[in-house]
């Protein structure tokens, strides 16, 4: 994941890992992204794409 933030709006974003390096962003592993808590008064916006993998044997039909 890639973490970015904006102090003026007290906002933190989590996005899918970006292919380009940005000196103002931080890349996180799955474990650390899952435990991320923004500072008090800040808002966290999780903009990662969710991909669901289903076991074909468990689908109805």
N, C-alpha and C. Protein backbone atom coordinates (compact mmCIF):
# COMPACT_ATOMS: atom_id res chain seq x y z
N UNK A 1 0.83 -1.17 0.00
CA UNK A 1 0.00 0.00 0.00
C UNK A 1 0.88 1.24 0.00
N UNK A 2 0.31 2.33 -0.46
CA UNK A 2 1.01 3.61 -0.40
C UNK A 2 0.20 4.57 0.45
N UNK A 3 0.86 5.19 1.41
CA UNK A 3 0.24 6.13 2.31
C UNK A 3 0.65 7.54 1.91
N UNK A 4 -0.34 8.41 1.79
CA UNK A 4 -0.08 9.84 1.57
C UNK A 4 -0.94 10.61 2.56
N UNK A 5 -0.65 11.87 2.73
CA UNK A 5 -1.38 12.66 3.71
C UNK A 5 -1.38 14.13 3.31
N UNK A 6 -2.28 14.88 3.92
CA UNK A 6 -2.34 16.32 3.72
C UNK A 6 -2.60 16.97 5.07
N UNK A 7 -1.61 17.66 5.58
CA UNK A 7 -1.72 18.29 6.90
C UNK A 7 -2.87 19.29 6.97
N UNK A 8 -3.01 20.11 5.96
CA UNK A 8 -4.02 21.17 5.99
C UNK A 8 -5.43 20.64 6.16
N UNK A 9 -5.69 19.44 5.65
CA UNK A 9 -7.03 18.85 5.76
C UNK A 9 -7.10 17.75 6.81
N UNK A 10 -6.00 17.48 7.50
CA UNK A 10 -5.94 16.38 8.49
C UNK A 10 -6.47 15.09 7.89
N UNK A 11 -5.92 14.72 6.74
CA UNK A 11 -6.42 13.59 5.98
C UNK A 11 -5.28 12.66 5.59
N UNK A 12 -5.51 11.36 5.73
CA UNK A 12 -4.55 10.32 5.36
C UNK A 12 -5.22 9.43 4.32
N UNK A 13 -4.48 9.08 3.27
CA UNK A 13 -5.01 8.19 2.24
C UNK A 13 -4.19 6.92 2.18
N UNK A 14 -4.87 5.81 1.98
CA UNK A 14 -4.24 4.53 1.67
C UNK A 14 -4.67 4.14 0.28
N UNK A 15 -3.72 3.96 -0.61
CA UNK A 15 -3.99 3.57 -1.98
C UNK A 15 -3.24 2.27 -2.29
N UNK A 16 -3.61 1.64 -3.40
CA UNK A 16 -2.82 0.51 -3.86
C UNK A 16 -1.39 1.00 -4.11
N UNK A 17 -0.45 0.09 -4.05
CA UNK A 17 0.94 0.45 -4.24
C UNK A 17 1.13 1.17 -5.57
N UNK A 18 1.73 2.34 -5.52
CA UNK A 18 1.96 3.12 -6.74
C UNK A 18 3.27 2.69 -7.39
N UNK A 19 3.29 2.63 -8.71
CA UNK A 19 4.51 2.18 -9.40
C UNK A 19 5.65 3.19 -9.36
N UNK A 20 5.34 4.48 -9.22
CA UNK A 20 6.38 5.52 -9.19
C UNK A 20 6.72 5.87 -7.75
N UNK A 21 7.98 6.19 -7.52
CA UNK A 21 8.41 6.64 -6.20
C UNK A 21 8.00 8.10 -6.02
N UNK A 22 7.50 8.41 -4.84
CA UNK A 22 7.13 9.78 -4.49
C UNK A 22 7.77 10.08 -3.14
N UNK A 23 8.61 11.12 -3.06
CA UNK A 23 9.27 11.40 -1.80
C UNK A 23 8.31 11.82 -0.68
N UNK A 24 7.06 12.13 -1.02
CA UNK A 24 6.08 12.55 -0.02
C UNK A 24 5.11 11.42 0.34
N UNK A 25 5.36 10.21 -0.13
CA UNK A 25 4.49 9.06 0.14
C UNK A 25 5.31 7.96 0.81
N UNK A 26 4.60 7.07 1.48
CA UNK A 26 5.25 5.98 2.19
C UNK A 26 4.61 4.66 1.77
N UNK A 27 5.44 3.69 1.42
CA UNK A 27 4.95 2.36 1.06
C UNK A 27 4.90 1.50 2.32
N UNK A 28 3.78 0.81 2.50
CA UNK A 28 3.57 -0.01 3.68
C UNK A 28 3.26 -1.45 3.27
N UNK A 29 3.64 -2.38 4.13
CA UNK A 29 3.25 -3.77 3.90
C UNK A 29 1.80 -3.95 4.35
N UNK A 30 1.21 -5.09 4.01
CA UNK A 30 -0.18 -5.38 4.35
C UNK A 30 -0.42 -5.32 5.86
N UNK A 31 0.51 -5.87 6.63
CA UNK A 31 0.36 -5.92 8.08
C UNK A 31 0.33 -4.50 8.69
N UNK A 32 1.24 -3.65 8.29
CA UNK A 32 1.27 -2.30 8.84
C UNK A 32 0.11 -1.45 8.33
N UNK A 33 -0.29 -1.63 7.10
CA UNK A 33 -1.44 -0.88 6.58
C UNK A 33 -2.70 -1.27 7.34
N UNK A 34 -2.84 -2.54 7.69
CA UNK A 34 -4.01 -3.00 8.41
C UNK A 34 -4.10 -2.47 9.83
N UNK A 35 -2.97 -2.13 10.42
CA UNK A 35 -2.95 -1.62 11.80
C UNK A 35 -2.87 -0.10 11.87
N UNK A 36 -2.85 0.56 10.73
CA UNK A 36 -2.68 2.01 10.70
C UNK A 36 -3.84 2.73 11.37
N UNK A 37 -3.52 3.62 12.28
CA UNK A 37 -4.50 4.48 12.94
C UNK A 37 -4.03 5.92 12.75
N UNK A 38 -4.86 6.77 12.17
CA UNK A 38 -4.44 8.16 11.99
C UNK A 38 -4.40 8.89 13.33
N UNK A 39 -3.69 10.01 13.39
CA UNK A 39 -3.65 10.79 14.64
C UNK A 39 -5.06 11.25 15.04
N UNK A 40 -5.24 11.53 16.30
CA UNK A 40 -6.52 12.01 16.80
C UNK A 40 -6.95 13.26 16.03
N UNK A 41 -8.19 13.25 15.57
CA UNK A 41 -8.72 14.38 14.79
C UNK A 41 -8.49 14.27 13.29
N UNK A 42 -7.72 13.29 12.86
CA UNK A 42 -7.47 13.07 11.45
C UNK A 42 -8.44 12.02 10.91
N UNK A 43 -8.60 12.01 9.59
CA UNK A 43 -9.48 11.04 8.94
C UNK A 43 -8.65 10.16 8.01
N UNK A 44 -8.98 8.88 8.00
CA UNK A 44 -8.31 7.92 7.13
C UNK A 44 -9.27 7.55 6.01
N UNK A 45 -8.84 7.70 4.78
CA UNK A 45 -9.63 7.32 3.61
C UNK A 45 -8.91 6.17 2.91
N UNK A 46 -9.52 5.00 2.97
CA UNK A 46 -8.95 3.80 2.35
C UNK A 46 -9.45 3.71 0.92
N UNK A 47 -8.58 3.99 -0.03
CA UNK A 47 -8.96 4.00 -1.45
C UNK A 47 -8.41 2.80 -2.20
N UNK A 48 -7.98 1.77 -1.46
CA UNK A 48 -7.46 0.57 -2.11
C UNK A 48 -8.58 -0.18 -2.81
N UNK A 49 -8.22 -0.81 -3.94
CA UNK A 49 -9.17 -1.65 -4.66
C UNK A 49 -9.29 -2.97 -3.93
N UNK A 50 -10.49 -3.44 -3.75
CA UNK A 50 -10.71 -4.73 -3.10
C UNK A 50 -10.90 -5.80 -4.18
N UNK A 51 -10.12 -6.85 -4.08
CA UNK A 51 -10.23 -7.97 -5.01
C UNK A 51 -10.64 -9.18 -4.18
N UNK A 52 -11.76 -9.78 -4.54
CA UNK A 52 -12.25 -10.95 -3.83
C UNK A 52 -11.97 -12.19 -4.67
N UNK A 53 -11.39 -13.19 -4.06
CA UNK A 53 -11.12 -14.46 -4.73
C UNK A 53 -12.07 -15.49 -4.13
N UNK A 54 -12.85 -16.11 -5.01
CA UNK A 54 -13.84 -17.09 -4.56
C UNK A 54 -13.41 -18.50 -4.96
N UNK A 55 -13.65 -19.44 -4.09
CA UNK A 55 -13.41 -20.85 -4.37
C UNK A 55 -14.58 -21.35 -5.21
N UNK A 56 -14.31 -21.82 -6.42
CA UNK A 56 -15.37 -22.26 -7.34
C UNK A 56 -16.22 -23.36 -6.72
N UNK A 57 -15.67 -24.18 -5.87
CA UNK A 57 -16.40 -25.26 -5.23
C UNK A 57 -17.41 -24.77 -4.20
N UNK A 58 -17.30 -23.54 -3.78
CA UNK A 58 -18.21 -23.00 -2.75
C UNK A 58 -19.27 -22.11 -3.34
N UNK A 59 -19.25 -21.87 -4.64
CA UNK A 59 -20.26 -21.01 -5.26
C UNK A 59 -21.54 -21.80 -5.51
N UNK A 60 -22.67 -21.17 -5.30
CA UNK A 60 -23.96 -21.83 -5.57
C UNK A 60 -24.19 -21.87 -7.07
N UNK A 61 -24.93 -22.88 -7.49
CA UNK A 61 -25.29 -22.84 -8.89
C UNK A 61 -25.13 -24.08 -9.58
